[in-house]
Amino acid sequence: MSVNDLIALCPLLLSIGGNAIAIVLWYVNSEKRKYGLERDFLHLKRNYEQINSNLLAILYELDNRFDRVKRDILEVKSNLSLSTKRKNEEY
Protein backbone atom coordinates (compact mmCIF):
# COMPACT_ATOMS: atom_id res chain seq x y z
CA MET A 1 0.00 0.00 0.00
CA SER A 2 1.16 3.41 -0.80
CA VAL A 3 1.04 6.47 1.39
CA ASN A 4 -1.79 7.94 -0.69
CA ASP A 5 -3.87 4.79 -0.14
CA LEU A 6 -3.28 4.99 3.63
CA ILE A 7 -4.23 8.67 3.65
CA ALA A 8 -7.46 7.84 1.81
CA LEU A 9 -8.17 4.82 4.03
CA CYS A 10 -7.82 6.72 7.35
CA PRO A 11 -10.86 9.03 6.83
CA LEU A 12 -12.90 6.04 5.66
CA LEU A 13 -12.06 4.07 8.81
CA LEU A 14 -12.69 7.12 11.01
CA SER A 15 -16.10 7.69 9.45
CA ILE A 16 -17.05 4.02 9.81
CA GLY A 17 -15.89 4.03 13.45
CA GLY A 18 -17.71 7.29 14.17
CA ASN A 19 -20.91 5.95 12.63
CA ALA A 20 -20.59 2.73 14.62
CA ILE A 21 -20.18 4.70 17.85
CA ALA A 22 -23.14 6.92 16.92
CA ILE A 23 -25.32 3.85 16.31
CA VAL A 24 -24.31 2.33 19.67
CA LEU A 25 -25.01 5.62 21.49
CA TRP A 26 -28.37 5.98 19.73
CA TYR A 27 -29.34 2.44 20.78
CA VAL A 28 -28.24 3.00 24.39
CA ASN A 29 -30.18 6.28 24.59
CA SER A 30 -33.30 4.69 23.11
CA GLU A 31 -33.12 1.89 25.70
CA LYS A 32 -32.68 4.46 28.49
CA ARG A 33 -35.67 6.39 27.19
CA LYS A 34 -37.76 3.23 26.97
CA TYR A 35 -36.80 2.30 30.53
CA GLY A 36 -37.59 5.82 31.73
CA LEU A 37 -41.01 5.82 30.07
CA GLU A 38 -41.82 2.41 31.50
CA ARG A 39 -40.75 3.57 34.96
CA ASP A 40 -42.87 6.72 34.68
CA PHE A 41 -45.86 4.65 33.58
CA LEU A 42 -45.45 2.30 36.54
CA HIS A 43 -45.21 5.30 38.90
CA LEU A 44 -48.45 6.69 37.47
CA LYS A 45 -50.10 3.29 37.77
CA ARG A 46 -49.05 2.94 41.43
CA ASN A 47 -50.22 6.50 42.16
CA TYR A 48 -53.59 5.71 40.56
CA GLU A 49 -53.90 2.57 42.69
CA GLN A 50 -53.04 4.51 45.85
CA ILE A 51 -55.56 7.23 45.01
CA ASN A 52 -58.17 4.58 44.32
CA SER A 53 -57.55 2.77 47.62
CA ASN A 54 -57.56 6.07 49.54
CA LEU A 55 -60.80 7.11 47.88
CA LEU A 56 -62.40 3.78 48.79
CA ALA A 57 -61.26 4.22 52.41
CA ILE A 58 -62.71 7.75 52.50
CA LEU A 59 -66.00 6.57 51.02
CA TYR A 60 -66.17 3.73 53.55
CA GLU A 61 -65.56 6.17 56.39
CA LEU A 62 -68.21 8.56 55.06
CA ASP A 63 -70.67 5.70 54.78
CA ASN A 64 -70.04 4.76 58.40
CA ARG A 65 -70.43 8.37 59.50
CA PHE A 66 -73.70 8.73 57.60
CA ASP A 67 -74.95 5.55 59.23
CA ARG A 68 -74.10 6.96 62.67
CA VAL A 69 -75.79 10.26 61.84
CA LYS A 70 -78.84 8.39 60.60
CA ARG A 71 -79.04 6.43 63.87
CA ASP A 72 -78.62 9.63 65.87
CA ILE A 73 -81.38 11.35 63.90
CA LEU A 74 -83.68 8.38 64.43
CA GLU A 75 -82.91 8.49 68.15
CA VAL A 76 -83.61 12.21 68.31
CA LYS A 77 -86.87 11.76 66.37
CA SER A 78 -87.98 8.97 68.64
CA ASN A 79 -87.15 11.04 71.73
CA LEU A 80 -89.05 14.00 70.29
CA SER A 81 -92.05 11.91 69.46
CA LEU A 82 -92.05 10.38 72.94
CA SER A 83 -91.76 13.78 74.59
CA THR A 84 -94.60 15.24 72.48
CA LYS A 85 -96.79 12.23 73.33
CA ARG A 86 -96.09 12.70 77.01
CA LYS A 87 -96.89 16.40 76.81
CA ASN A 88 -100.12 15.66 74.95
CA GLU A 89 -101.12 13.08 77.54
CA GLU A 90 -100.46 15.54 80.37
CA TYR A 91 -102.75 18.19 78.87
PDB file of N, CA and C in Angstrom:
ATOM      1  N   MET A   1       0.837  -1.165   0.000  1.00  0.00           N
ATOM      2  CA  MET A   1       0.000   0.000   0.000  1.00  0.00           C
ATOM      3  C   MET A   1       0.886   1.233   0.000  1.00  0.00           C
ATOM      4  N   SER A   2       0.400   2.162  -0.723  1.00  0.00           N
ATOM      5  CA  SER A   2       1.162   3.405  -0.797  1.00  0.00           C
ATOM      6  C   SER A   2       0.660   4.377   0.262  1.00  0.00           C
ATOM      7  N   VAL A   3       1.387   5.442   0.422  1.00  0.00           N
ATOM      8  CA  VAL A   3       1.039   6.467   1.390  1.00  0.00           C
ATOM      9  C   VAL A   3      -0.288   7.119   1.028  1.00  0.00           C
ATOM     10  N   ASN A   4      -0.530   7.330  -0.248  1.00  0.00           N
ATOM     11  CA  ASN A   4      -1.793   7.939  -0.686  1.00  0.00           C
ATOM     12  C   ASN A   4      -2.979   7.040  -0.359  1.00  0.00           C
ATOM     13  N   ASP A   5      -2.780   5.724  -0.486  1.00  0.00           N
ATOM     14  CA  ASP A   5      -3.866   4.794  -0.138  1.00  0.00           C
ATOM     15  C   ASP A   5      -4.141   4.830   1.369  1.00  0.00           C
ATOM     16  N   LEU A   6      -3.099   4.906   2.183  1.00  0.00           N
ATOM     17  CA  LEU A   6      -3.275   4.992   3.633  1.00  0.00           C
ATOM     18  C   LEU A   6      -3.965   6.291   4.030  1.00  0.00           C
ATOM     19  N   ILE A   7      -3.602   7.378   3.361  1.00  0.00           N
ATOM     20  CA  ILE A   7      -4.230   8.669   3.648  1.00  0.00           C
ATOM     21  C   ILE A   7      -5.712   8.625   3.281  1.00  0.00           C
ATOM     22  N   ALA A   8      -6.060   7.955   2.215  1.00  0.00           N
ATOM     23  CA  ALA A   8      -7.457   7.835   1.808  1.00  0.00           C
ATOM     24  C   ALA A   8      -8.214   6.861   2.705  1.00  0.00           C
ATOM     25  N   LEU A   9      -7.528   5.840   3.217  1.00  0.00           N
ATOM     26  CA  LEU A   9      -8.170   4.818   4.033  1.00  0.00           C
ATOM     27  C   LEU A   9      -8.467   5.323   5.450  1.00  0.00           C
ATOM     28  N   CYS A  10      -7.627   6.193   5.984  1.00  0.00           N
ATOM     29  CA  CYS A  10      -7.822   6.717   7.350  1.00  0.00           C
ATOM     30  C   CYS A  10      -9.156   7.446   7.515  1.00  0.00           C
ATOM     31  N   PRO A  11      -9.542   8.388   6.653  1.00  0.00           N
ATOM     32  CA  PRO A  11     -10.856   9.031   6.827  1.00  0.00           C
ATOM     33  C   PRO A  11     -12.014   8.045   6.693  1.00  0.00           C
ATOM     34  N   LEU A  12     -11.850   7.044   5.816  1.00  0.00           N
ATOM     35  CA  LEU A  12     -12.899   6.045   5.658  1.00  0.00           C
ATOM     36  C   LEU A  12     -13.076   5.263   6.960  1.00  0.00           C
ATOM     37  N   LEU A  13     -11.983   4.817   7.556  1.00  0.00           N
ATOM     38  CA  LEU A  13     -12.055   4.074   8.813  1.00  0.00           C
ATOM     39  C   LEU A  13     -12.587   4.948   9.952  1.00  0.00           C
ATOM     40  N   LEU A  14     -12.167   6.207   9.986  1.00  0.00           N
ATOM     41  CA  LEU A  14     -12.685   7.123  11.010  1.00  0.00           C
ATOM     42  C   LEU A  14     -14.183   7.347  10.866  1.00  0.00           C
ATOM     43  N   SER A  15     -14.656   7.483   9.640  1.00  0.00           N
ATOM     44  CA  SER A  15     -16.100   7.694   9.447  1.00  0.00           C
ATOM     45  C   SER A  15     -16.885   6.434   9.792  1.00  0.00           C
ATOM     46  N   ILE A  16     -16.362   5.267   9.451  1.00  0.00           N
ATOM     47  CA  ILE A  16     -17.045   4.018   9.807  1.00  0.00           C
ATOM     48  C   ILE A  16     -17.071   3.855  11.326  1.00  0.00           C
ATOM     49  N   GLY A  17     -15.945   4.117  11.987  1.00  0.00           N
ATOM     50  CA  GLY A  17     -15.890   4.026  13.451  1.00  0.00           C
ATOM     51  C   GLY A  17     -16.804   5.034  14.120  1.00  0.00           C
ATOM     52  N   GLY A  18     -16.826   6.267  13.602  1.00  0.00           N
ATOM     53  CA  GLY A  18     -17.709   7.286  14.166  1.00  0.00           C
ATOM     54  C   GLY A  18     -19.169   6.930  14.005  1.00  0.00           C
ATOM     55  N   ASN A  19     -19.525   6.374  12.852  1.00  0.00           N
ATOM     56  CA  ASN A  19     -20.912   5.946  12.628  1.00  0.00           C
ATOM     57  C   ASN A  19     -21.273   4.782  13.538  1.00  0.00           C
ATOM     58  N   ALA A  20     -20.324   3.866  13.737  1.00  0.00           N
ATOM     59  CA  ALA A  20     -20.588   2.727  14.625  1.00  0.00           C
ATOM     60  C   ALA A  20     -20.815   3.218  16.049  1.00  0.00           C
ATOM     61  N   ILE A  21     -19.998   4.143  16.504  1.00  0.00           N
ATOM     62  CA  ILE A  21     -20.179   4.698  17.850  1.00  0.00           C
ATOM     63  C   ILE A  21     -21.502   5.446  17.950  1.00  0.00           C
ATOM     64  N   ALA A  22     -21.867   6.186  16.914  1.00  0.00           N
ATOM     65  CA  ALA A  22     -23.142   6.916  16.916  1.00  0.00           C
ATOM     66  C   ALA A  22     -24.318   5.959  16.994  1.00  0.00           C
ATOM     67  N   ILE A  23     -24.231   4.838  16.282  1.00  0.00           N
ATOM     68  CA  ILE A  23     -25.316   3.846  16.309  1.00  0.00           C
ATOM     69  C   ILE A  23     -25.428   3.242  17.708  1.00  0.00           C
ATOM     70  N   VAL A  24     -24.288   2.906  18.317  1.00  0.00           N
ATOM     71  CA  VAL A  24     -24.309   2.332  19.667  1.00  0.00           C
ATOM     72  C   VAL A  24     -24.894   3.345  20.660  1.00  0.00           C
ATOM     73  N   LEU A  25     -24.479   4.591  20.579  1.00  0.00           N
ATOM     74  CA  LEU A  25     -25.014   5.617  21.490  1.00  0.00           C
ATOM     75  C   LEU A  25     -26.504   5.834  21.271  1.00  0.00           C
ATOM     76  N   TRP A  26     -26.938   5.835  20.018  1.00  0.00           N
ATOM     77  CA  TRP A  26     -28.367   5.979  19.728  1.00  0.00           C
ATOM     78  C   TRP A  26     -29.151   4.828  20.347  1.00  0.00           C
ATOM     79  N   TYR A  27     -28.650   3.601  20.220  1.00  0.00           N
ATOM     80  CA  TYR A  27     -29.338   2.444  20.778  1.00  0.00           C
ATOM     81  C   TYR A  27     -29.395   2.532  22.309  1.00  0.00           C
ATOM     82  N   VAL A  28     -28.280   2.888  22.928  1.00  0.00           N
ATOM     83  CA  VAL A  28     -28.241   3.003  24.390  1.00  0.00           C
ATOM     84  C   VAL A  28     -29.216   4.070  24.866  1.00  0.00           C
ATOM     85  N   ASN A  29     -29.256   5.211  24.197  1.00  0.00           N
ATOM     86  CA  ASN A  29     -30.178   6.283  24.586  1.00  0.00           C
ATOM     87  C   ASN A  29     -31.632   5.883  24.389  1.00  0.00           C
ATOM     88  N   SER A  30     -31.914   5.131  23.322  1.00  0.00           N
ATOM     89  CA  SER A  30     -33.297   4.688  23.106  1.00  0.00           C
ATOM     90  C   SER A  30     -33.714   3.693  24.181  1.00  0.00           C
ATOM     91  N   GLU A  31     -32.795   2.827  24.614  1.00  0.00           N
ATOM     92  CA  GLU A  31     -33.119   1.893  25.695  1.00  0.00           C
ATOM     93  C   GLU A  31     -33.318   2.634  27.012  1.00  0.00           C
ATOM     94  N   LYS A  32     -32.501   3.645  27.281  1.00  0.00           N
ATOM     95  CA  LYS A  32     -32.680   4.458  28.490  1.00  0.00           C
ATOM     96  C   LYS A  32     -34.030   5.152  28.469  1.00  0.00           C
ATOM     97  N   ARG A  33     -34.386   5.687  27.318  1.00  0.00           N
ATOM     98  CA  ARG A  33     -35.667   6.390  27.194  1.00  0.00           C
ATOM     99  C   ARG A  33     -36.825   5.421  27.401  1.00  0.00           C
ATOM    100  N   LYS A  34     -36.709   4.230  26.810  1.00  0.00           N
ATOM    101  CA  LYS A  34     -37.760   3.229  26.966  1.00  0.00           C
ATOM    102  C   LYS A  34     -37.892   2.828  28.436  1.00  0.00           C
ATOM    103  N   TYR A  35     -36.777   2.636  29.112  1.00  0.00           N
ATOM    104  CA  TYR A  35     -36.804   2.299  30.529  1.00  0.00           C
ATOM    105  C   TYR A  35     -37.423   3.435  31.341  1.00  0.00           C
ATOM    106  N   GLY A  36     -37.045   4.670  31.015  1.00  0.00           N
ATOM    107  CA  GLY A  36     -37.593   5.822  31.733  1.00  0.00           C
ATOM    108  C   GLY A  36     -39.101   5.942  31.542  1.00  0.00           C
ATOM    109  N   LEU A  37     -39.573   5.742  30.323  1.00  0.00           N
ATOM    110  CA  LEU A  37     -41.014   5.817  30.066  1.00  0.00           C
ATOM    111  C   LEU A  37     -41.759   4.710  30.797  1.00  0.00           C
ATOM    112  N   GLU A  38     -41.182   3.516  30.804  1.00  0.00           N
ATOM    113  CA  GLU A  38     -41.821   2.408  31.503  1.00  0.00           C
ATOM    114  C   GLU A  38     -41.871   2.676  33.005  1.00  0.00           C
ATOM    115  N   ARG A  39     -40.799   3.238  33.539  1.00  0.00           N
ATOM    116  CA  ARG A  39     -40.753   3.569  34.960  1.00  0.00           C
ATOM    117  C   ARG A  39     -41.780   4.645  35.297  1.00  0.00           C
ATOM    118  N   ASP A  40     -41.885   5.674  34.450  1.00  0.00           N
ATOM    119  CA  ASP A  40     -42.875   6.723  34.676  1.00  0.00           C
ATOM    120  C   ASP A  40     -44.290   6.159  34.631  1.00  0.00           C
ATOM    121  N   PHE A  41     -44.535   5.253  33.684  1.00  0.00           N
ATOM    122  CA  PHE A  41     -45.858   4.652  33.580  1.00  0.00           C
ATOM    123  C   PHE A  41     -46.178   3.840  34.831  1.00  0.00           C
ATOM    124  N   LEU A  42     -45.200   3.081  35.336  1.00  0.00           N
ATOM    125  CA  LEU A  42     -45.447   2.300  36.542  1.00  0.00           C
ATOM    126  C   LEU A  42     -45.673   3.198  37.755  1.00  0.00           C
ATOM    127  N   HIS A  43     -44.966   4.336  37.822  1.00  0.00           N
ATOM    128  CA  HIS A  43     -45.213   5.299  38.901  1.00  0.00           C
ATOM    129  C   HIS A  43     -46.639   5.835  38.824  1.00  0.00           C
ATOM    130  N   LEU A  44     -47.074   6.188  37.623  1.00  0.00           N
ATOM    131  CA  LEU A  44     -48.446   6.692  37.470  1.00  0.00           C
ATOM    132  C   LEU A  44     -49.462   5.622  37.840  1.00  0.00           C
ATOM    133  N   LYS A  45     -49.178   4.389  37.455  1.00  0.00           N
ATOM    134  CA  LYS A  45     -50.097   3.289  37.768  1.00  0.00           C
ATOM    135  C   LYS A  45     -50.189   3.076  39.274  1.00  0.00           C
ATOM    136  N   ARG A  46     -49.038   3.095  39.975  1.00  0.00           N
ATOM    137  CA  ARG A  46     -49.054   2.944  41.429  1.00  0.00           C
ATOM    138  C   ARG A  46     -49.760   4.121  42.096  1.00  0.00           C
ATOM    139  N   ASN A  47     -49.533   5.327  41.599  1.00  0.00           N
ATOM    140  CA  ASN A  47     -50.216   6.497  42.155  1.00  0.00           C
ATOM    141  C   ASN A  47     -51.725   6.376  41.982  1.00  0.00           C
ATOM    142  N   TYR A  48     -52.164   5.904  40.809  1.00  0.00           N
ATOM    143  CA  TYR A  48     -53.591   5.708  40.565  1.00  0.00           C
ATOM    144  C   TYR A  48     -54.155   4.685  41.541  1.00  0.00           C
ATOM    145  N   GLU A  49     -53.423   3.587  41.760  1.00  0.00           N
ATOM    146  CA  GLU A  49     -53.904   2.566  42.687  1.00  0.00           C
ATOM    147  C   GLU A  49     -53.983   3.105  44.117  1.00  0.00           C
ATOM    148  N   GLN A  50     -53.000   3.917  44.516  1.00  0.00           N
ATOM    149  CA  GLN A  50     -53.041   4.507  45.848  1.00  0.00           C
ATOM    150  C   GLN A  50     -54.200   5.472  45.987  1.00  0.00           C
ATOM    151  N   ILE A  51     -54.431   6.287  44.971  1.00  0.00           N
ATOM    152  CA  ILE A  51     -55.557   7.227  45.010  1.00  0.00           C
ATOM    153  C   ILE A  51     -56.868   6.455  45.085  1.00  0.00           C
ATOM    154  N   ASN A  52     -56.957   5.384  44.326  1.00  0.00           N
ATOM    155  CA  ASN A  52     -58.174   4.582  44.319  1.00  0.00           C
ATOM    156  C   ASN A  52     -58.420   3.957  45.695  1.00  0.00           C
ATOM    157  N   SER A  53     -57.374   3.393  46.300  1.00  0.00           N
ATOM    158  CA  SER A  53     -57.554   2.774  47.615  1.00  0.00           C
ATOM    159  C   SER A  53     -57.882   3.832  48.673  1.00  0.00           C
ATOM    160  N   ASN A  54     -57.247   4.997  48.590  1.00  0.00           N
ATOM    161  CA  ASN A  54     -57.560   6.071  49.537  1.00  0.00           C
ATOM    162  C   ASN A  54     -58.989   6.564  49.368  1.00  0.00           C
ATOM    163  N   LEU A  55     -59.428   6.680  48.138  1.00  0.00           N
ATOM    164  CA  LEU A  55     -60.802   7.112  47.878  1.00  0.00           C
ATOM    165  C   LEU A  55     -61.803   6.099  48.422  1.00  0.00           C
ATOM    166  N   LEU A  56     -61.506   4.806  48.250  1.00  0.00           N
ATOM    167  CA  LEU A  56     -62.398   3.783  48.793  1.00  0.00           C
ATOM    168  C   LEU A  56     -62.440   3.850  50.316  1.00  0.00           C
ATOM    169  N   ALA A  57     -61.291   4.098  50.949  1.00  0.00           N
ATOM    170  CA  ALA A  57     -61.265   4.223  52.409  1.00  0.00           C
ATOM    171  C   ALA A  57     -62.075   5.429  52.862  1.00  0.00           C
ATOM    172  N   ILE A  58     -61.955   6.541  52.157  1.00  0.00           N
ATOM    173  CA  ILE A  58     -62.712   7.747  52.503  1.00  0.00           C
ATOM    174  C   ILE A  58     -64.203   7.500  52.332  1.00  0.00           C
ATOM    175  N   LEU A  59     -64.581   6.854  51.238  1.00  0.00           N
ATOM    176  CA  LEU A  59     -66.003   6.570  51.019  1.00  0.00           C
ATOM    177  C   LEU A  59     -66.549   5.622  52.085  1.00  0.00           C
ATOM    178  N   TYR A  60     -65.745   4.645  52.498  1.00  0.00           N
ATOM    179  CA  TYR A  60     -66.168   3.727  53.553  1.00  0.00           C
ATOM    180  C   TYR A  60     -66.370   4.489  54.864  1.00  0.00           C
ATOM    181  N   GLU A  61     -65.433   5.371  55.173  1.00  0.00           N
ATOM    182  CA  GLU A  61     -65.558   6.174  56.392  1.00  0.00           C
ATOM    183  C   GLU A  61     -66.784   7.082  56.342  1.00  0.00           C
ATOM    184  N   LEU A  62     -67.016   7.700  55.192  1.00  0.00           N
ATOM    185  CA  LEU A  62     -68.208   8.558  55.056  1.00  0.00           C
ATOM    186  C   LEU A  62     -69.489   7.744  55.215  1.00  0.00           C
ATOM    187  N   ASP A  63     -69.492   6.554  54.655  1.00  0.00           N
ATOM    188  CA  ASP A  63     -70.672   5.698  54.777  1.00  0.00           C
ATOM    189  C   ASP A  63     -70.926   5.363  56.242  1.00  0.00           C
ATOM    190  N   ASN A  64     -69.873   5.047  56.968  1.00  0.00           N
ATOM    191  CA  ASN A  64     -70.035   4.762  58.405  1.00  0.00           C
ATOM    192  C   ASN A  64     -70.534   5.995  59.155  1.00  0.00           C
ATOM    193  N   ARG A  65     -69.990   7.151  58.820  1.00  0.00           N
ATOM    194  CA  ARG A  65     -70.431   8.373  59.503  1.00  0.00           C
ATOM    195  C   ARG A  65     -71.895   8.671  59.198  1.00  0.00           C
ATOM    196  N   PHE A  66     -72.297   8.490  57.941  1.00  0.00           N
ATOM    197  CA  PHE A  66     -73.704   8.730  57.604  1.00  0.00           C
ATOM    198  C   PHE A  66     -74.614   7.741  58.322  1.00  0.00           C
ATOM    199  N   ASP A  67     -74.148   6.508  58.474  1.00  0.00           N
ATOM    200  CA  ASP A  67     -74.953   5.548  59.231  1.00  0.00           C
ATOM    201  C   ASP A  67     -75.107   5.982  60.681  1.00  0.00           C
ATOM    202  N   ARG A  68     -74.017   6.476  61.293  1.00  0.00           N
ATOM    203  CA  ARG A  68     -74.104   6.955  62.670  1.00  0.00           C
ATOM    204  C   ARG A  68     -75.026   8.168  62.779  1.00  0.00           C
ATOM    205  N   VAL A  69     -74.925   9.082  61.823  1.00  0.00           N
ATOM    206  CA  VAL A  69     -75.789  10.263  61.835  1.00  0.00           C
ATOM    207  C   VAL A  69     -77.243   9.842  61.663  1.00  0.00           C
ATOM    208  N   LYS A  70     -77.484   8.869  60.815  1.00  0.00           N
ATOM    209  CA  LYS A  70     -78.842   8.386  60.602  1.00  0.00           C
ATOM    210  C   LYS A  70     -79.410   7.785  61.892  1.00  0.00           C
ATOM    211  N   ARG A  71     -78.590   7.002  62.593  1.00  0.00           N
ATOM    212  CA  ARG A  71     -79.043   6.432  63.872  1.00  0.00           C
ATOM    213  C   ARG A  71     -79.304   7.532  64.897  1.00  0.00           C
ATOM    214  N   ASP A  72     -78.417   8.528  64.926  1.00  0.00           N
ATOM    215  CA  ASP A  72     -78.617   9.634  65.874  1.00  0.00           C
ATOM    216  C   ASP A  72     -79.895  10.395  65.559  1.00  0.00           C
ATOM    217  N   ILE A  73     -80.147  10.636  64.294  1.00  0.00           N
ATOM    218  CA  ILE A  73     -81.379  11.352  63.903  1.00  0.00           C
ATOM    219  C   ILE A  73     -82.607  10.539  64.278  1.00  0.00           C
ATOM    220  N   LEU A  74     -82.544   9.226  64.045  1.00  0.00           N
ATOM    221  CA  LEU A  74     -83.678   8.380  64.435  1.00  0.00           C
ATOM    222  C   LEU A  74     -83.891   8.407  65.946  1.00  0.00           C
ATOM    223  N   GLU A  75     -82.795   8.416  66.695  1.00  0.00           N
ATOM    224  CA  GLU A  75     -82.907   8.485  68.149  1.00  0.00           C
ATOM    225  C   GLU A  75     -83.513   9.812  68.591  1.00  0.00           C
ATOM    226  N   VAL A  76     -83.073  10.897  67.976  1.00  0.00           N
ATOM    227  CA  VAL A  76     -83.615  12.213  68.312  1.00  0.00           C
ATOM    228  C   VAL A  76     -85.100  12.273  67.950  1.00  0.00           C
ATOM    229  N   LYS A  77     -85.451  11.748  66.778  1.00  0.00           N
ATOM    230  CA  LYS A  77     -86.870  11.758  66.371  1.00  0.00           C
ATOM    231  C   LYS A  77     -87.726  10.933  67.318  1.00  0.00           C
ATOM    232  N   SER A  78     -87.184   9.797  67.725  1.00  0.00           N
ATOM    233  CA  SER A  78     -87.980   8.974  68.639  1.00  0.00           C
ATOM    234  C   SER A  78     -88.125   9.656  69.996  1.00  0.00           C
ATOM    235  N   ASN A  79     -87.054  10.298  70.465  1.00  0.00           N
ATOM    236  CA  ASN A  79     -87.154  11.039  71.732  1.00  0.00           C
ATOM    237  C   ASN A  79     -88.131  12.199  71.614  1.00  0.00           C
ATOM    238  N   LEU A  80     -88.113  12.893  70.490  1.00  0.00           N
ATOM    239  CA  LEU A  80     -89.049  14.001  70.289  1.00  0.00           C
ATOM    240  C   LEU A  80     -90.487  13.508  70.228  1.00  0.00           C
ATOM    241  N   SER A  81     -90.684  12.410  69.550  1.00  0.00           N
ATOM    242  CA  SER A  81     -92.053  11.908  69.456  1.00  0.00           C
ATOM    243  C   SER A  81     -92.543  11.418  70.813  1.00  0.00           C
ATOM    244  N   LEU A  82     -91.644  10.807  71.590  1.00  0.00           N
ATOM    245  CA  LEU A  82     -92.048  10.381  72.936  1.00  0.00           C
ATOM    246  C   LEU A  82     -92.344  11.577  73.822  1.00  0.00           C
ATOM    247  N   SER A  83     -91.526  12.602  73.741  1.00  0.00           N
ATOM    248  CA  SER A  83     -91.764  13.776  74.595  1.00  0.00           C
ATOM    249  C   SER A  83     -93.034  14.503  74.184  1.00  0.00           C
ATOM    250  N   THR A  84     -93.342  14.577  72.899  1.00  0.00           N
ATOM    251  CA  THR A  84     -94.598  15.236  72.483  1.00  0.00           C
ATOM    252  C   THR A  84     -95.802  14.390  72.910  1.00  0.00           C
ATOM    253  N   LYS A  85     -95.692  13.083  72.874  1.00  0.00           N
ATOM    254  CA  LYS A  85     -96.790  12.234  73.331  1.00  0.00           C
ATOM    255  C   LYS A  85     -97.031  12.417  74.807  1.00  0.00           C
ATOM    256  N   ARG A  86     -95.952  12.498  75.561  1.00  0.00           N
ATOM    257  CA  ARG A  86     -96.093  12.701  77.006  1.00  0.00           C
ATOM    258  C   ARG A  86     -96.729  14.040  77.313  1.00  0.00           C
ATOM    259  N   LYS A  87     -96.312  15.083  76.567  1.00  0.00           N
ATOM    260  CA  LYS A  87     -96.891  16.395  76.809  1.00  0.00           C
ATOM    261  C   LYS A  87     -98.365  16.416  76.430  1.00  0.00           C
ATOM    262  N   ASN A  88     -98.711  15.730  75.350  1.00  0.00           N
ATOM    263  CA  ASN A  88    -100.120  15.655  74.946  1.00  0.00           C
ATOM    264  C   ASN A  88    -100.956  14.889  75.961  1.00  0.00           C
ATOM    265  N   GLU A  89    -100.393  13.856  76.555  1.00  0.00           N
ATOM    266  CA  GLU A  89    -101.116  13.080  77.542  1.00  0.00           C
ATOM    267  C   GLU A  89    -101.321  13.866  78.829  1.00  0.00           C
ATOM    268  N   GLU A  90    -100.338  14.743  79.160  1.00  0.00           N
ATOM    269  CA  GLU A  90    -100.456  15.542  80.370  1.00  0.00           C
ATOM    270  C   GLU A  90    -101.560  16.590  80.234  1.00  0.00           C
ATOM    271  N   TYR A  91    -101.758  17.127  79.049  1.00  0.00           N
ATOM    272  CA  TYR A  91    -102.752  18.193  78.873  1.00  0.00           C
ATOM    273  C   TYR A  91    -104.061  17.628  78.623  1.00  0.00           C
TER     274      TYR A  91
END
